[in-house]
Protein backbone atom coordinates (compact mmCIF):
# COMPACT_ATOMS: atom_id res chain seq x y z
CA MET A 1 9.52 -34.51 -20.99
CA LEU A 2 11.26 -31.20 -20.28
CA LYS A 3 7.99 -29.30 -20.88
CA LYS A 4 6.25 -31.50 -18.29
CA ILE A 5 8.95 -30.81 -15.70
CA ILE A 6 8.82 -27.05 -16.32
CA SER A 7 5.01 -27.09 -16.13
CA LEU A 8 5.13 -29.02 -12.86
CA LEU A 9 7.64 -26.57 -11.36
CA LEU A 10 5.48 -23.60 -12.40
CA VAL A 11 2.40 -25.16 -10.85
CA ILE A 12 4.28 -25.74 -7.59
CA PHE A 13 6.18 -22.47 -7.24
CA ILE A 14 3.93 -19.77 -8.71
CA PRO A 15 1.22 -20.14 -6.03
CA LEU A 16 3.87 -20.10 -3.28
CA SER A 17 5.43 -16.92 -4.59
CA ALA A 18 2.02 -15.28 -4.84
CA LEU A 19 1.38 -15.99 -1.17
CA SER A 20 4.75 -14.78 0.01
CA HIS A 21 4.56 -11.22 -1.35
CA THR A 22 1.05 -9.86 -1.40
CA GLU A 23 0.40 -6.72 -3.42
CA ILE A 24 -2.16 -3.95 -3.28
CA ALA A 25 -5.45 -5.00 -4.87
CA PHE A 26 -7.21 -1.63 -4.50
CA LEU A 27 -6.07 1.84 -3.53
CA SER A 28 -8.03 5.03 -2.94
CA PRO A 29 -7.02 7.62 -3.89
CA GLU A 30 -5.37 5.88 -6.82
CA ASN A 31 -1.64 6.28 -7.40
CA GLY A 32 -0.99 9.34 -9.54
CA SER A 33 -4.57 10.61 -9.31
CA ILE A 34 -5.41 14.32 -9.52
CA LEU A 35 -8.28 15.20 -7.20
CA SER A 36 -10.51 18.25 -7.12
CA GLU A 37 -11.23 17.73 -3.38
CA ALA A 38 -9.07 16.53 -0.53
CA PRO A 39 -9.77 12.93 0.49
CA ASN A 40 -10.86 12.16 4.06
CA GLU A 41 -9.05 8.85 4.14
CA ILE A 42 -6.68 6.51 2.40
CA TYR A 43 -8.13 3.07 1.74
CA ILE A 44 -5.73 0.21 0.92
CA VAL A 45 -6.86 -3.33 0.14
CA TYR A 46 -4.28 -6.10 -0.19
CA HIS A 47 -4.75 -9.53 -1.76
CA TYR A 48 -4.04 -11.13 1.64
CA PRO A 49 -3.99 -9.83 5.23
CA VAL A 50 -0.98 -7.73 6.19
CA MET A 51 0.09 -5.64 9.17
CA ILE A 52 1.08 -2.14 8.17
CA THR A 53 4.21 -1.41 10.18
CA LYS A 54 4.97 2.04 8.81
CA LEU A 55 3.05 4.59 6.79
CA GLU A 56 4.38 8.11 6.30
CA MET A 57 2.80 10.89 4.32
CA PHE A 58 4.64 13.89 2.94
CA LYS A 59 3.56 17.04 1.13
CA SER A 60 6.11 16.59 -1.63
CA ASP A 61 5.79 20.08 -3.10
CA GLN A 62 6.65 21.66 0.27
CA ASP A 63 10.14 20.30 1.01
CA ASN A 64 8.63 16.92 1.97
CA GLU A 65 6.69 18.35 4.93
CA ASN A 66 5.65 15.40 7.09
CA ILE A 67 1.85 15.08 7.50
CA GLN A 68 1.00 13.79 10.96
CA LEU A 69 -1.33 10.76 10.91
CA SER A 70 -2.99 8.80 13.67
CA LYS A 71 -1.10 5.55 14.32
CA ASN A 72 -4.12 3.44 15.35
CA PHE A 73 -4.12 1.52 12.05
CA LEU A 74 -0.57 0.22 12.57
CA MET A 75 0.05 -3.44 13.49
CA GLN A 76 -3.56 -4.45 12.73
CA SER A 77 -3.74 -7.60 10.58
CA SER A 78 -6.26 -7.15 7.79
CA ASP A 79 -6.54 -7.21 4.04
CA ALA A 80 -8.29 -3.80 4.14
CA HIS A 81 -6.84 -0.76 5.90
CA GLN A 82 -8.54 2.61 6.33
CA ILE A 83 -6.32 5.52 7.31
CA LYS A 84 -8.04 8.75 8.33
CA LEU A 85 -6.46 11.93 7.02
CA PRO A 86 -6.27 15.40 8.50
CA SER A 87 -7.55 18.32 6.46
CA LEU A 88 -5.28 18.56 3.41
CA LYS A 89 -4.47 21.63 1.31
CA MET A 90 -3.93 21.79 -2.41
CA GLY A 91 -0.65 20.22 -3.46
CA GLU A 92 1.17 16.96 -4.09
CA TYR A 93 1.29 14.18 -1.52
CA LYS A 94 3.49 11.10 -1.31
CA ILE A 95 2.87 8.08 0.89
CA ASP A 96 5.58 5.55 1.79
CA TRP A 97 4.35 2.33 3.39
CA ARG A 98 5.80 -0.89 4.73
CA ALA A 99 3.89 -3.97 5.86
CA LEU A 100 4.45 -7.48 7.12
CA SER A 101 2.66 -10.27 5.24
CA GLU A 102 1.22 -13.30 7.03
CA ASP A 103 4.23 -15.40 6.04
CA GLY A 104 6.64 -12.90 7.62
CA HIS A 105 7.89 -11.19 4.46
CA THR A 106 8.27 -7.43 4.47
CA ILE A 107 6.60 -5.64 1.59
CA LYS A 108 6.75 -1.93 0.83
CA GLY A 109 5.72 0.63 -1.66
CA THR A 110 5.06 4.26 -2.48
CA PHE A 111 2.12 6.05 -4.05
CA SER A 112 1.13 9.64 -4.57
CA PHE A 113 -1.75 11.91 -5.46
CA LYS A 114 -2.34 15.57 -6.15
CA ILE A 115 -5.08 17.93 -4.97
CA LYS A 116 -5.83 20.77 -7.43
């Protein structure tokens, strides 16, 4: 009987938790990647639509120099976000992001890549 109750609770609550905090399904460039050429864009695909509320990019090997990005991708609800990048030099880059999921939960993360 206890196994049935636990199974029922899992069936009820696991789908709800999956909807409340969507994660990245695809990321380009991939986190931790080492690239031979600078990317022209960052492409982020989430499992469900989100609104990116903040995305900051830093050149982490240069005292966290802030890389200026266009803000036109902010506050756009979509499961796929394309962020155009300025011309980047060789080095390490870190991206901090925050987004609002459809159910109102804030999600955030960090990823990085290196251009050699």
